[in-house]
């Protein structure tokens, strides 16, 4: 059985939900060009109700993505400016746009319209309710999901599963039992890219109010991303991908063991015991840097160095852009 985080949102979900609101995107994009008064922001955002705009501005101020400043002396002119956190939040928006461009029914980018909002919201909600962790492991029917996820009732799970299906994030499979099992689509697997960028933003800029990365998050991320790997055709062997988690005085590891055969994933499981041919270990920040920026200098590698290095680079390439052929270090 899996459960959600204490505040109901897993790491990364707050950033995604913020960016699913078109008004927030419009404000941040406008302020990216320079400081602006509220009247100018309202025009740039399509003339929303003033009360709505003020509420969203307060929300963006609350997470320090924007700030108010008075230009000149009193009374002066009150302007809004984007902060470094706000500029980094736009990098999350860019990752979402790149993902939305690959939607199975045609591009949904840029962020802002109803279909894009629905897709991002479905991704964020299924992440926070741990549906992604369940579906990443194997196809599940709605009935099976109710047995795995005890924090939501049947109607809530049904609504979220329907949202995933309508967005093209899950695909129906043939099942032997009652109900239709649904599996992760390739587009959902590629959704790991904006998820990890959102997690990185929250860990850097929203540390006090963001849920820490947990075993469920780590396992879901690897289980979704690993099937996208395409490495050198002669590469085979097993590798443990382990993230070092810390909760106060308690330390643990979470991750997967991947078996590669002919450059393709043959299996991926969450049991970390045994004696793999290679292993990779590091803190969440080190893994985020490796996957997002292709910077593995803070990870610890052991065993078959070619296998471990190609796996790290392959995860980055699969999610953020391939470079082929890949030259082993």
Protein backbone atom coordinates (compact mmCIF):
# COMPACT_ATOMS: atom_id res chain seq x y z
CA UNK A 1 0.00 0.00 0.00
CA UNK A 2 1.24 3.52 -0.79
CA UNK A 3 0.13 6.80 0.73
CA UNK A 4 0.49 10.47 -0.10
CA UNK A 5 2.67 13.00 1.70
CA UNK A 6 1.52 14.73 4.86
CA UNK A 7 0.56 18.00 3.15
CA UNK A 8 -1.14 16.21 0.27
CA UNK A 9 1.38 17.37 -2.37
CA UNK A 10 4.52 15.47 -3.21
CA UNK A 11 7.76 17.22 -4.11
CA UNK A 12 7.40 19.09 -7.41
CA UNK A 13 3.60 19.15 -7.49
CA UNK A 14 3.26 22.69 -6.12
CA UNK A 15 5.37 24.10 -8.95
CA UNK A 16 3.37 22.21 -11.58
CA UNK A 17 0.03 23.35 -10.15
CA UNK A 18 1.24 26.97 -10.05
CA UNK A 19 2.21 26.79 -13.70
CA UNK A 20 -1.03 25.10 -14.72
CA UNK A 21 -2.72 28.45 -14.00
CA UNK A 22 -2.43 30.55 -17.20
CA UNK A 23 -2.49 33.79 -15.21
CA UNK A 24 0.69 32.91 -13.33
CA UNK A 25 2.50 32.15 -16.58
CA UNK A 26 1.33 35.44 -18.12
CA UNK A 27 2.54 37.44 -15.10
CA UNK A 28 5.96 35.76 -14.98
CA UNK A 29 6.50 36.06 -18.75
CA UNK A 30 5.55 39.75 -18.64
CA UNK A 31 7.89 40.48 -15.72
CA UNK A 32 10.68 38.60 -17.48
CA UNK A 33 10.82 41.63 -19.79
CA UNK A 34 11.24 44.05 -16.87
CA UNK A 35 9.42 45.61 -13.87
CA UNK A 36 5.76 46.47 -14.46
CA UNK A 37 2.88 48.10 -12.66
CA UNK A 38 -0.24 46.12 -11.83
CA UNK A 39 -2.27 47.86 -14.55
CA UNK A 40 0.28 46.75 -17.16
CA UNK A 41 0.33 43.20 -15.82
CA UNK A 42 -3.45 43.08 -16.05
CA UNK A 43 -3.31 44.08 -19.71
CA UNK A 44 -0.54 41.56 -20.45
CA UNK A 45 -2.57 38.79 -18.78
CA UNK A 46 -5.70 39.39 -20.85
CA UNK A 47 -7.58 41.69 -18.44
CA UNK A 48 -8.54 39.25 -15.67
CA UNK A 49 -10.68 40.46 -12.77
CA UNK A 50 -8.63 42.69 -10.50
CA UNK A 51 -9.44 40.56 -7.45
CA UNK A 52 -8.22 37.45 -9.28
CA UNK A 53 -5.01 39.17 -10.37
CA UNK A 54 -4.30 40.47 -6.87
CA UNK A 55 -4.79 37.01 -5.40
CA UNK A 56 -2.34 35.45 -7.85
CA UNK A 57 0.18 38.24 -7.33
CA UNK A 58 0.03 37.62 -3.58
CA UNK A 59 0.52 33.92 -4.22
CA UNK A 60 3.59 34.54 -6.38
CA UNK A 61 4.90 36.98 -3.76
CA UNK A 62 4.36 34.34 -1.08
CA UNK A 63 6.72 31.93 -2.80
CA UNK A 64 9.14 34.82 -3.54
CA UNK A 65 8.82 34.39 -7.31
CA UNK A 66 8.05 38.11 -7.60
CA UNK A 67 8.44 41.13 -5.33
CA UNK A 68 6.94 44.64 -5.02
CA UNK A 69 9.15 47.70 -5.13
CA UNK A 70 8.37 51.41 -5.02
CA UNK A 71 10.20 53.34 -7.70
CA UNK A 72 11.43 56.81 -6.72
CA UNK A 73 10.42 58.46 -3.47
CA UNK A 74 7.01 58.45 -1.79
CA UNK A 75 4.44 58.24 -3.19
CA UNK A 76 6.38 56.96 -6.18
CA UNK A 77 5.24 54.15 -8.48
CA UNK A 78 4.59 50.63 -7.19
CA UNK A 79 6.03 48.00 -9.52
CA UNK A 80 6.43 44.25 -9.53
CA UNK A 81 9.71 42.55 -10.38
CA UNK A 82 10.60 38.94 -11.07
CA UNK A 83 13.14 37.34 -8.70
CA UNK A 84 15.76 34.65 -9.29
CA UNK A 85 13.22 32.12 -7.97
CA UNK A 86 10.71 33.40 -10.52
CA UNK A 87 13.20 33.10 -13.37
CA UNK A 88 14.02 29.56 -12.28
CA UNK A 89 10.29 28.79 -12.13
CA UNK A 90 10.11 29.76 -15.80
CA UNK A 91 12.68 27.03 -16.47
CA UNK A 92 10.10 24.61 -15.10
CA UNK A 93 7.58 26.19 -17.48
CA UNK A 94 10.02 25.67 -20.36
CA UNK A 95 10.36 21.98 -19.43
CA UNK A 96 6.57 21.68 -19.36
CA UNK A 97 6.29 23.35 -22.78
CA UNK A 98 8.83 20.92 -24.27
CA UNK A 99 6.83 18.04 -22.82
CA UNK A 100 3.51 19.46 -24.05
CA UNK A 101 4.96 19.71 -27.56
CA UNK A 102 5.21 15.90 -27.59
CA UNK A 103 1.56 15.24 -26.70
CA UNK A 104 0.27 12.19 -28.62
CA UNK A 105 -2.59 14.10 -30.26
CA UNK A 106 -0.39 17.00 -31.34
CA UNK A 107 1.38 19.82 -29.54
CA UNK A 108 -0.40 21.40 -26.56
CA UNK A 109 2.32 24.01 -26.04
CA UNK A 110 2.59 26.68 -24.92
CA UNK A 111 1.14 26.55 -21.44
CA UNK A 112 -2.10 28.44 -21.08
CA UNK A 113 -4.97 26.78 -22.92
CA UNK A 114 -7.48 24.35 -21.42
CA UNK A 115 -5.95 21.16 -22.81
CA UNK A 116 -2.47 22.03 -21.56
CA UNK A 117 -3.85 22.95 -18.12
CA UNK A 118 -5.75 19.64 -17.91
CA UNK A 119 -2.67 17.62 -18.86
CA UNK A 120 -0.41 19.36 -16.33
CA UNK A 121 -3.04 19.08 -13.59
CA UNK A 122 -3.51 15.36 -14.33
CA UNK A 123 0.25 14.84 -14.12
CA UNK A 124 0.56 16.76 -10.83
CA UNK A 125 -2.45 15.11 -9.16
CA UNK A 126 -1.50 11.57 -10.16
CA UNK A 127 2.01 12.24 -8.87
CA UNK A 128 0.76 13.48 -5.50
CA UNK A 129 -1.78 10.69 -5.05
CA UNK A 130 0.94 8.10 -5.86
CA UNK A 131 -1.04 6.80 -8.83
CA UNK A 132 2.08 7.24 -10.94
CA UNK A 133 4.07 5.01 -8.59
CA UNK A 134 1.47 2.28 -8.90
CA UNK A 135 1.06 2.53 -12.68
CA UNK A 136 4.82 2.83 -13.21
CA UNK A 137 5.31 -0.60 -11.64
CA UNK A 138 2.70 -2.37 -13.78
CA UNK A 139 -0.69 -1.78 -15.44
CA UNK A 140 -3.54 -1.33 -12.96
CA UNK A 141 -7.30 -1.33 -13.30
CA UNK A 142 -9.40 1.10 -11.29
CA UNK A 143 -10.40 -1.71 -8.92
CA UNK A 144 -6.76 -2.62 -8.36
CA UNK A 145 -5.85 1.01 -7.71
CA UNK A 146 -8.46 1.23 -4.94
CA UNK A 147 -6.70 -1.65 -3.18
CA UNK A 148 -3.26 -0.04 -3.51
CA UNK A 149 -4.14 3.58 -2.75
CA UNK A 150 -6.17 3.79 0.47
CA UNK A 151 -6.10 7.58 0.85
CA UNK A 152 -8.67 8.21 -1.91
CA UNK A 153 -12.16 6.84 -2.38
CA UNK A 154 -13.40 5.16 -5.54
CA UNK A 155 -14.98 8.26 -7.18
CA UNK A 156 -11.81 10.33 -6.60
CA UNK A 157 -9.60 7.65 -8.12
CA UNK A 158 -12.00 7.20 -11.03
CA UNK A 159 -11.93 10.93 -11.78
CA UNK A 160 -8.13 11.04 -11.72
CA UNK A 161 -7.77 7.91 -13.84
CA UNK A 162 -10.18 9.37 -16.40
CA UNK A 163 -8.13 12.58 -16.48
CA UNK A 164 -4.98 10.56 -17.19
CA UNK A 165 -6.75 8.59 -19.91
CA UNK A 166 -8.25 11.65 -21.62
CA UNK A 167 -4.87 13.40 -21.59
CA UNK A 168 -3.14 10.41 -23.18
CA UNK A 169 -0.99 9.74 -20.12
CA UNK A 170 -2.17 6.14 -19.75
CA UNK A 171 -3.17 3.50 -22.29
CA UNK A 172 -5.62 0.62 -21.98
CA UNK A 173 -4.25 -2.90 -21.95
CA UNK A 174 -5.86 -6.31 -22.26
CA UNK A 175 -6.35 -7.89 -18.85
CA UNK A 176 -7.32 -11.32 -17.62
CA UNK A 177 -9.32 -10.14 -14.61
CA UNK A 178 -12.20 -7.72 -14.07
CA UNK A 179 -11.75 -4.17 -15.28
CA UNK A 180 -9.44 -2.62 -17.84
CA UNK A 181 -5.80 -2.27 -16.78
CA UNK A 182 -4.05 0.97 -17.71
CA UNK A 183 -0.33 1.32 -18.37
CA UNK A 184 1.93 4.37 -18.57
CA UNK A 185 2.19 5.85 -22.05
CA UNK A 186 5.52 6.98 -23.45
CA UNK A 187 4.30 10.56 -23.07
CA UNK A 188 3.73 9.99 -19.37
CA UNK A 189 7.23 8.54 -19.08
CA UNK A 190 8.60 11.68 -20.73
CA UNK A 191 6.67 13.66 -18.12
CA UNK A 192 9.45 12.74 -15.70
CA UNK A 193 11.44 15.61 -17.26
CA UNK A 194 9.23 18.48 -16.02
CA UNK A 195 8.64 16.58 -12.78
CA UNK A 196 12.32 16.42 -11.85
CA UNK A 197 12.87 20.06 -12.87
CA UNK A 198 9.91 21.02 -10.65
CA UNK A 199 11.34 18.95 -7.78
CA UNK A 200 14.69 20.67 -8.20
CA UNK A 201 13.06 24.12 -8.13
CA UNK A 202 11.12 23.33 -4.96
CA UNK A 203 14.16 21.89 -3.19
CA UNK A 204 16.09 25.07 -3.99
CA UNK A 205 13.46 27.80 -3.61
CA UNK A 206 10.61 26.29 -1.58
CA UNK A 207 12.53 24.14 0.84
CA UNK A 208 10.50 24.94 3.98
CA UNK A 209 7.11 24.44 2.33
CA UNK A 210 7.91 21.58 -0.03
CA UNK A 211 7.66 17.90 0.76
CA UNK A 212 11.03 16.12 0.77
CA UNK A 213 11.76 13.47 -1.81
CA UNK A 214 10.70 10.06 -0.54
CA UNK A 215 11.13 6.42 -1.49
CA UNK A 216 7.86 6.54 -3.45
CA UNK A 217 9.03 9.55 -5.49
CA UNK A 218 12.41 7.98 -6.28
CA UNK A 219 10.96 4.64 -7.30
CA UNK A 220 8.24 6.21 -9.45
CA UNK A 221 10.80 8.40 -11.23
CA UNK A 222 13.14 5.54 -12.10
CA UNK A 223 10.37 3.08 -12.98
CA UNK A 224 8.91 5.60 -15.43
CA UNK A 225 12.17 6.81 -16.96
CA UNK A 226 14.25 3.63 -17.27
CA UNK A 227 12.15 2.06 -20.11
CA UNK A 228 13.07 5.10 -22.25
CA UNK A 229 16.79 4.21 -22.14
CA UNK A 230 18.52 3.55 -25.45
CA UNK A 231 22.23 2.84 -24.95
CA UNK A 232 25.03 1.33 -27.03
CA UNK A 233 23.91 -1.92 -28.66
CA UNK A 234 26.68 -4.01 -27.11
CA UNK A 235 25.98 -2.84 -23.56
CA UNK A 236 24.64 -5.45 -21.11
CA UNK A 237 24.72 -5.97 -17.35
CA UNK A 238 23.02 -4.95 -14.12
CA UNK A 239 23.30 -1.65 -12.26
CA UNK A 240 21.92 -0.38 -8.97
CA UNK A 241 20.62 3.22 -9.04
CA UNK A 242 20.35 4.34 -5.41
CA UNK A 243 19.31 7.68 -3.92
CA UNK A 244 20.46 8.45 -0.38
CA UNK A 245 17.49 9.72 1.63
CA UNK A 246 17.64 11.38 5.02
CA UNK A 247 14.81 12.06 7.46
CA UNK A 248 16.37 13.55 10.55
CA UNK A 249 18.59 10.87 12.04
CA UNK A 250 17.14 8.18 9.81
CA UNK A 251 19.02 7.38 6.62
CA UNK A 252 17.95 5.01 3.88
CA UNK A 253 18.35 4.21 0.20
CA UNK A 254 15.70 4.05 -2.51
CA UNK A 255 15.96 3.25 -6.17
CA UNK A 256 16.02 0.41 -8.66
CA UNK A 257 18.24 -2.30 -10.09
CA UNK A 258 18.30 -2.19 -13.89
CA UNK A 259 19.24 -5.13 -16.09
CA UNK A 260 20.42 -4.04 -19.54
CA UNK A 261 20.62 -6.38 -22.54
CA UNK A 262 21.84 -5.21 -25.92
CA UNK A 263 21.56 -1.56 -24.90
CA UNK A 264 17.90 -1.89 -23.87
CA UNK A 265 16.32 -2.32 -20.42
CA UNK A 266 15.44 -6.00 -19.86
CA UNK A 267 14.09 -5.52 -16.32
CA UNK A 268 13.79 -2.87 -13.62
CA UNK A 269 12.92 -3.67 -10.00
CA UNK A 270 12.94 -1.84 -6.68
CA UNK A 271 14.78 -4.48 -4.63
CA UNK A 272 18.27 -3.10 -4.04
CA UNK A 273 19.92 -6.21 -2.62
CA UNK A 274 22.19 -8.56 -4.56
CA UNK A 275 25.47 -7.99 -6.37
CA UNK A 276 25.00 -5.96 -9.56
CA UNK A 277 27.76 -5.36 -12.10
CA UNK A 278 27.72 -1.63 -11.40
CA UNK A 279 26.21 0.79 -8.93
CA UNK A 280 25.51 4.51 -8.67
CA UNK A 281 24.68 6.32 -5.44
CA UNK A 282 24.18 9.89 -4.32
CA UNK A 283 22.02 12.48 -2.59
CA UNK A 284 18.82 13.73 -4.27
CA UNK A 285 20.55 16.96 -5.32
CA UNK A 286 23.35 14.99 -6.97
CA UNK A 287 20.88 12.85 -8.90
CA UNK A 288 18.86 15.89 -9.99
CA UNK A 289 22.03 17.54 -11.33
CA UNK A 290 23.01 14.36 -13.15
CA UNK A 291 19.63 13.81 -14.80
CA UNK A 292 18.80 17.44 -15.59
CA UNK A 293 22.24 18.91 -16.36
CA UNK A 294 24.21 15.77 -17.28
CA UNK A 295 26.55 16.60 -14.38
CA UNK A 296 27.43 13.42 -12.47
CA UNK A 297 30.45 14.70 -10.55
CA UNK A 298 28.68 14.44 -7.18
CA UNK A 299 27.52 10.85 -7.69
CA UNK A 300 29.48 7.82 -6.51
CA UNK A 301 30.08 5.16 -9.14
CA UNK A 302 31.36 1.62 -8.73
CA UNK A 303 31.85 -1.59 -10.67
CA UNK A 304 31.52 -1.49 -14.45
CA UNK A 305 32.29 2.18 -15.10
CA UNK A 306 31.14 2.15 -18.72
CA UNK A 307 27.74 0.73 -17.78
CA UNK A 308 27.20 3.21 -14.94
CA UNK A 309 28.30 6.24 -16.96
CA UNK A 310 26.19 5.33 -19.96
CA UNK A 311 23.17 4.83 -17.72
CA UNK A 312 23.52 8.29 -16.18
CA UNK A 313 24.04 9.95 -19.54
CA UNK A 314 21.28 7.87 -21.07
CA UNK A 315 18.73 9.07 -18.52
CA UNK A 316 19.63 12.67 -19.28
CA UNK A 317 19.48 12.07 -23.02
CA UNK A 318 16.14 10.25 -22.88
CA UNK A 319 14.47 13.05 -20.92
CA UNK A 320 16.24 16.22 -22.04
CA UNK A 321 17.70 15.55 -25.47
CA UNK A 322 19.81 12.80 -26.97
CA UNK A 323 23.32 13.12 -28.27
CA UNK A 324 24.17 10.25 -30.58
CA UNK A 325 26.48 8.45 -30.69
CA UNK A 326 27.36 8.69 -27.04
CA UNK A 327 31.07 8.61 -26.19
CA UNK A 328 31.81 6.72 -22.97
CA UNK A 329 34.04 8.63 -20.53
